[in-house]
Amino acid sequence: MTRITVEIDDNLLHGAQRVLGTKTKVATINEALRLQALRAQAADIIGALDSVEMDFAGSGDSFRYGGGRDLAATEERARAPRVA
């Protein structure tokens, strides 16, 4: 942990407390910093996904009933007695 002394605008701090639902100044500052770090990480992930060309043509069909894997015998296999 780093201990620092810093001047913070009280109105901004109270507004952040209200939005974040935090009870103390320290909790508010830590939560705001955590969320900003998470936001930056999410932006990096989206940037990585955007940098790769993906072709989703026809992918919707594989998730509909009858698309993708054949699951017709799944229930039968689940109910079948196990061989020891």
N, C-alpha and C. Protein backbone atom coordinates (compact mmCIF):
# COMPACT_ATOMS: atom_id res chain seq x y z
N MET A 1 0.85 -1.19 0.00
CA MET A 1 0.00 0.00 0.00
C MET A 1 0.89 1.24 0.00
N THR A 2 0.40 2.23 -0.70
CA THR A 2 1.09 3.51 -0.74
C THR A 2 0.27 4.51 0.05
N ARG A 3 0.95 5.27 0.88
CA ARG A 3 0.26 6.30 1.65
C ARG A 3 0.64 7.65 1.07
N ILE A 4 -0.37 8.45 0.68
CA ILE A 4 -0.11 9.75 0.09
C ILE A 4 -1.04 10.79 0.71
N THR A 5 -0.62 12.02 0.62
CA THR A 5 -1.47 13.14 1.02
C THR A 5 -1.81 13.89 -0.27
N VAL A 6 -3.10 14.08 -0.49
CA VAL A 6 -3.52 14.71 -1.73
C VAL A 6 -4.77 15.53 -1.46
N GLU A 7 -4.90 16.64 -2.16
CA GLU A 7 -6.10 17.46 -2.05
C GLU A 7 -7.10 16.98 -3.10
N ILE A 8 -8.33 16.72 -2.66
CA ILE A 8 -9.38 16.22 -3.54
C ILE A 8 -10.59 17.13 -3.43
N ASP A 9 -11.19 17.41 -4.58
CA ASP A 9 -12.41 18.22 -4.61
C ASP A 9 -13.51 17.48 -3.83
N ASP A 10 -14.01 18.11 -2.77
CA ASP A 10 -15.02 17.49 -1.92
C ASP A 10 -16.30 17.15 -2.68
N ASN A 11 -16.71 18.01 -3.59
CA ASN A 11 -17.93 17.74 -4.37
C ASN A 11 -17.77 16.50 -5.24
N LEU A 12 -16.61 16.36 -5.87
CA LEU A 12 -16.36 15.18 -6.68
C LEU A 12 -16.29 13.92 -5.81
N LEU A 13 -15.67 14.03 -4.66
CA LEU A 13 -15.56 12.89 -3.76
C LEU A 13 -16.93 12.43 -3.28
N HIS A 14 -17.77 13.38 -2.89
CA HIS A 14 -19.12 13.03 -2.42
C HIS A 14 -19.97 12.45 -3.55
N GLY A 15 -19.81 13.02 -4.75
CA GLY A 15 -20.53 12.50 -5.90
C GLY A 15 -20.11 11.06 -6.21
N ALA A 16 -18.81 10.81 -6.14
CA ALA A 16 -18.30 9.46 -6.38
C ALA A 16 -18.79 8.50 -5.30
N GLN A 17 -18.83 8.96 -4.06
CA GLN A 17 -19.33 8.12 -2.97
C GLN A 17 -20.77 7.70 -3.22
N ARG A 18 -21.57 8.65 -3.67
CA ARG A 18 -22.97 8.36 -3.96
C ARG A 18 -23.10 7.32 -5.07
N VAL A 19 -22.35 7.53 -6.14
CA VAL A 19 -22.43 6.63 -7.30
C VAL A 19 -21.89 5.24 -6.97
N LEU A 20 -20.78 5.21 -6.25
CA LEU A 20 -20.12 3.94 -5.96
C LEU A 20 -20.71 3.21 -4.75
N GLY A 21 -21.45 3.94 -3.93
CA GLY A 21 -22.03 3.33 -2.74
C GLY A 21 -21.02 3.02 -1.65
N THR A 22 -19.94 3.77 -1.62
CA THR A 22 -18.91 3.56 -0.61
C THR A 22 -19.16 4.45 0.60
N LYS A 23 -18.61 4.04 1.74
CA LYS A 23 -18.90 4.76 2.99
C LYS A 23 -17.76 5.66 3.45
N THR A 24 -16.54 5.36 3.02
CA THR A 24 -15.40 6.16 3.47
C THR A 24 -14.68 6.77 2.28
N LYS A 25 -13.86 7.77 2.57
CA LYS A 25 -13.06 8.41 1.52
C LYS A 25 -12.08 7.43 0.91
N VAL A 26 -11.43 6.66 1.77
CA VAL A 26 -10.44 5.68 1.30
C VAL A 26 -11.11 4.65 0.41
N ALA A 27 -12.26 4.13 0.84
CA ALA A 27 -12.98 3.14 0.03
C ALA A 27 -13.40 3.73 -1.31
N THR A 28 -13.81 4.99 -1.30
CA THR A 28 -14.24 5.64 -2.54
C THR A 28 -13.08 5.78 -3.51
N ILE A 29 -11.96 6.24 -3.03
CA ILE A 29 -10.79 6.42 -3.88
C ILE A 29 -10.30 5.08 -4.41
N ASN A 30 -10.23 4.06 -3.54
CA ASN A 30 -9.77 2.73 -3.97
C ASN A 30 -10.72 2.13 -5.01
N GLU A 31 -12.02 2.28 -4.80
CA GLU A 31 -12.99 1.73 -5.75
C GLU A 31 -12.91 2.46 -7.09
N ALA A 32 -12.77 3.77 -7.04
CA ALA A 32 -12.65 4.54 -8.29
C ALA A 32 -11.39 4.13 -9.06
N LEU A 33 -10.29 3.93 -8.36
CA LEU A 33 -9.06 3.50 -9.02
C LEU A 33 -9.20 2.08 -9.57
N ARG A 34 -9.84 1.20 -8.80
CA ARG A 34 -10.05 -0.18 -9.26
C ARG A 34 -10.89 -0.20 -10.54
N LEU A 35 -11.96 0.58 -10.55
CA LEU A 35 -12.83 0.62 -11.72
C LEU A 35 -12.12 1.18 -12.95
N GLN A 36 -11.29 2.18 -12.76
CA GLN A 36 -10.53 2.74 -13.88
C GLN A 36 -9.53 1.74 -14.42
N ALA A 37 -8.88 0.99 -13.54
CA ALA A 37 -7.93 -0.04 -13.98
C ALA A 37 -8.68 -1.14 -14.74
N LEU A 38 -9.85 -1.51 -14.25
CA LEU A 38 -10.68 -2.53 -14.91
C LEU A 38 -11.14 -2.03 -16.28
N ARG A 39 -11.50 -0.78 -16.35
CA ARG A 39 -11.93 -0.18 -17.62
C ARG A 39 -10.80 -0.20 -18.65
N ALA A 40 -9.58 0.11 -18.19
CA ALA A 40 -8.42 0.08 -19.09
C ALA A 40 -8.15 -1.34 -19.56
N GLN A 41 -8.29 -2.32 -18.67
CA GLN A 41 -8.08 -3.71 -19.02
C GLN A 41 -9.13 -4.16 -20.04
N ALA A 42 -10.38 -3.77 -19.84
CA ALA A 42 -11.45 -4.12 -20.78
C ALA A 42 -11.18 -3.49 -22.15
N ALA A 43 -10.70 -2.26 -22.16
CA ALA A 43 -10.38 -1.60 -23.43
C ALA A 43 -9.26 -2.34 -24.16
N ASP A 44 -8.28 -2.83 -23.42
CA ASP A 44 -7.19 -3.62 -24.04
C ASP A 44 -7.73 -4.91 -24.65
N ILE A 45 -8.65 -5.56 -23.94
CA ILE A 45 -9.22 -6.81 -24.43
C ILE A 45 -10.04 -6.56 -25.69
N ILE A 46 -10.87 -5.52 -25.66
CA ILE A 46 -11.67 -5.18 -26.84
C ILE A 46 -10.76 -4.81 -28.01
N GLY A 47 -9.69 -4.09 -27.72
CA GLY A 47 -8.74 -3.73 -28.77
C GLY A 47 -8.11 -4.97 -29.39
N ALA A 48 -7.79 -5.96 -28.56
CA ALA A 48 -7.21 -7.20 -29.08
C ALA A 48 -8.23 -7.94 -29.94
N LEU A 49 -9.47 -7.98 -29.50
CA LEU A 49 -10.51 -8.64 -30.29
C LEU A 49 -10.76 -7.90 -31.60
N ASP A 50 -10.74 -6.58 -31.55
CA ASP A 50 -10.96 -5.79 -32.76
C ASP A 50 -9.82 -5.94 -33.76
N SER A 51 -8.63 -6.32 -33.30
CA SER A 51 -7.48 -6.42 -34.20
C SER A 51 -7.47 -7.72 -34.99
N VAL A 52 -8.36 -8.64 -34.66
CA VAL A 52 -8.41 -9.93 -35.34
C VAL A 52 -9.68 -10.00 -36.18
N GLU A 53 -9.51 -10.38 -37.45
CA GLU A 53 -10.68 -10.50 -38.32
C GLU A 53 -11.40 -11.80 -37.99
N MET A 54 -12.70 -11.70 -37.74
CA MET A 54 -13.50 -12.88 -37.41
C MET A 54 -14.66 -12.98 -38.37
N ASP A 55 -14.94 -14.21 -38.80
CA ASP A 55 -16.05 -14.45 -39.70
C ASP A 55 -17.10 -15.26 -38.96
N PHE A 56 -18.21 -14.63 -38.66
CA PHE A 56 -19.29 -15.29 -37.93
C PHE A 56 -20.43 -15.73 -38.85
N ALA A 57 -20.18 -15.72 -40.14
CA ALA A 57 -21.22 -16.10 -41.10
C ALA A 57 -21.69 -17.52 -40.82
N GLY A 58 -22.98 -17.67 -40.64
CA GLY A 58 -23.56 -18.98 -40.39
C GLY A 58 -23.43 -19.48 -38.97
N SER A 59 -22.76 -18.74 -38.10
CA SER A 59 -22.57 -19.22 -36.74
C SER A 59 -23.88 -19.28 -35.96
N GLY A 60 -24.85 -18.44 -36.32
CA GLY A 60 -26.14 -18.47 -35.64
C GLY A 60 -26.85 -19.80 -35.81
N ASP A 61 -26.63 -20.45 -36.94
CA ASP A 61 -27.28 -21.74 -37.18
C ASP A 61 -26.75 -22.83 -36.26
N SER A 62 -25.52 -22.72 -35.84
CA SER A 62 -24.94 -23.77 -35.00
C SER A 62 -25.44 -23.70 -33.56
N PHE A 63 -26.12 -22.64 -33.19
CA PHE A 63 -26.62 -22.52 -31.83
C PHE A 63 -28.13 -22.77 -31.75
N ARG A 64 -28.76 -22.89 -32.87
CA ARG A 64 -30.20 -23.15 -32.88
C ARG A 64 -30.46 -24.63 -32.70
N TYR A 65 -31.71 -24.99 -32.46
CA TYR A 65 -32.10 -26.38 -32.33
C TYR A 65 -31.72 -27.13 -33.59
N GLY A 66 -30.99 -28.20 -33.42
CA GLY A 66 -30.57 -28.99 -34.57
C GLY A 66 -29.26 -28.53 -35.17
N GLY A 67 -28.73 -27.42 -34.74
CA GLY A 67 -27.47 -26.94 -35.30
C GLY A 67 -26.30 -27.42 -34.46
N GLY A 68 -25.13 -27.36 -35.01
CA GLY A 68 -23.94 -27.73 -34.25
C GLY A 68 -23.87 -29.22 -33.97
N ARG A 69 -23.54 -29.58 -32.74
CA ARG A 69 -23.40 -30.99 -32.35
C ARG A 69 -24.74 -31.70 -32.34
N ASP A 70 -24.69 -32.99 -32.56
CA ASP A 70 -25.90 -33.81 -32.47
C ASP A 70 -26.07 -34.24 -31.02
N LEU A 71 -27.07 -33.68 -30.37
CA LEU A 71 -27.32 -33.97 -28.96
C LEU A 71 -28.50 -34.91 -28.77
N ALA A 72 -28.94 -35.57 -29.83
CA ALA A 72 -30.14 -36.40 -29.77
C ALA A 72 -30.04 -37.51 -28.74
N ALA A 73 -28.88 -38.12 -28.58
CA ALA A 73 -28.74 -39.26 -27.69
C ALA A 73 -28.24 -38.86 -26.30
N THR A 74 -28.13 -37.60 -26.03
CA THR A 74 -27.57 -37.15 -24.75
C THR A 74 -28.39 -37.65 -23.57
N GLU A 75 -29.70 -37.51 -23.63
CA GLU A 75 -30.55 -37.95 -22.52
C GLU A 75 -30.44 -39.46 -22.33
N GLU A 76 -30.44 -40.20 -23.42
CA GLU A 76 -30.33 -41.66 -23.33
C GLU A 76 -29.02 -42.06 -22.67
N ARG A 77 -27.93 -41.43 -23.06
CA ARG A 77 -26.63 -41.76 -22.47
C ARG A 77 -26.59 -41.40 -21.00
N ALA A 78 -27.24 -40.30 -20.62
CA ALA A 78 -27.24 -39.88 -19.22
C ALA A 78 -28.03 -40.85 -18.36
N ARG A 79 -29.09 -41.43 -18.90
CA ARG A 79 -29.93 -42.35 -18.14
C ARG A 79 -29.43 -43.79 -18.17
N ALA A 80 -28.53 -44.09 -19.06
CA ALA A 80 -28.02 -45.46 -19.19
C ALA A 80 -27.23 -45.84 -17.94
N PRO A 81 -27.38 -47.11 -17.50
CA PRO A 81 -26.62 -47.54 -16.32
C PRO A 81 -25.12 -47.50 -16.62
N ARG A 82 -24.38 -47.13 -15.61
CA ARG A 82 -22.92 -47.07 -15.77
C ARG A 82 -22.32 -48.46 -15.60
N VAL A 83 -21.35 -48.73 -16.44
CA VAL A 83 -20.64 -50.00 -16.34
C VAL A 83 -19.42 -49.78 -15.49
N ALA A 84 -19.28 -50.59 -14.46
CA ALA A 84 -18.16 -50.43 -13.52
C ALA A 84 -16.91 -51.08 -13.99
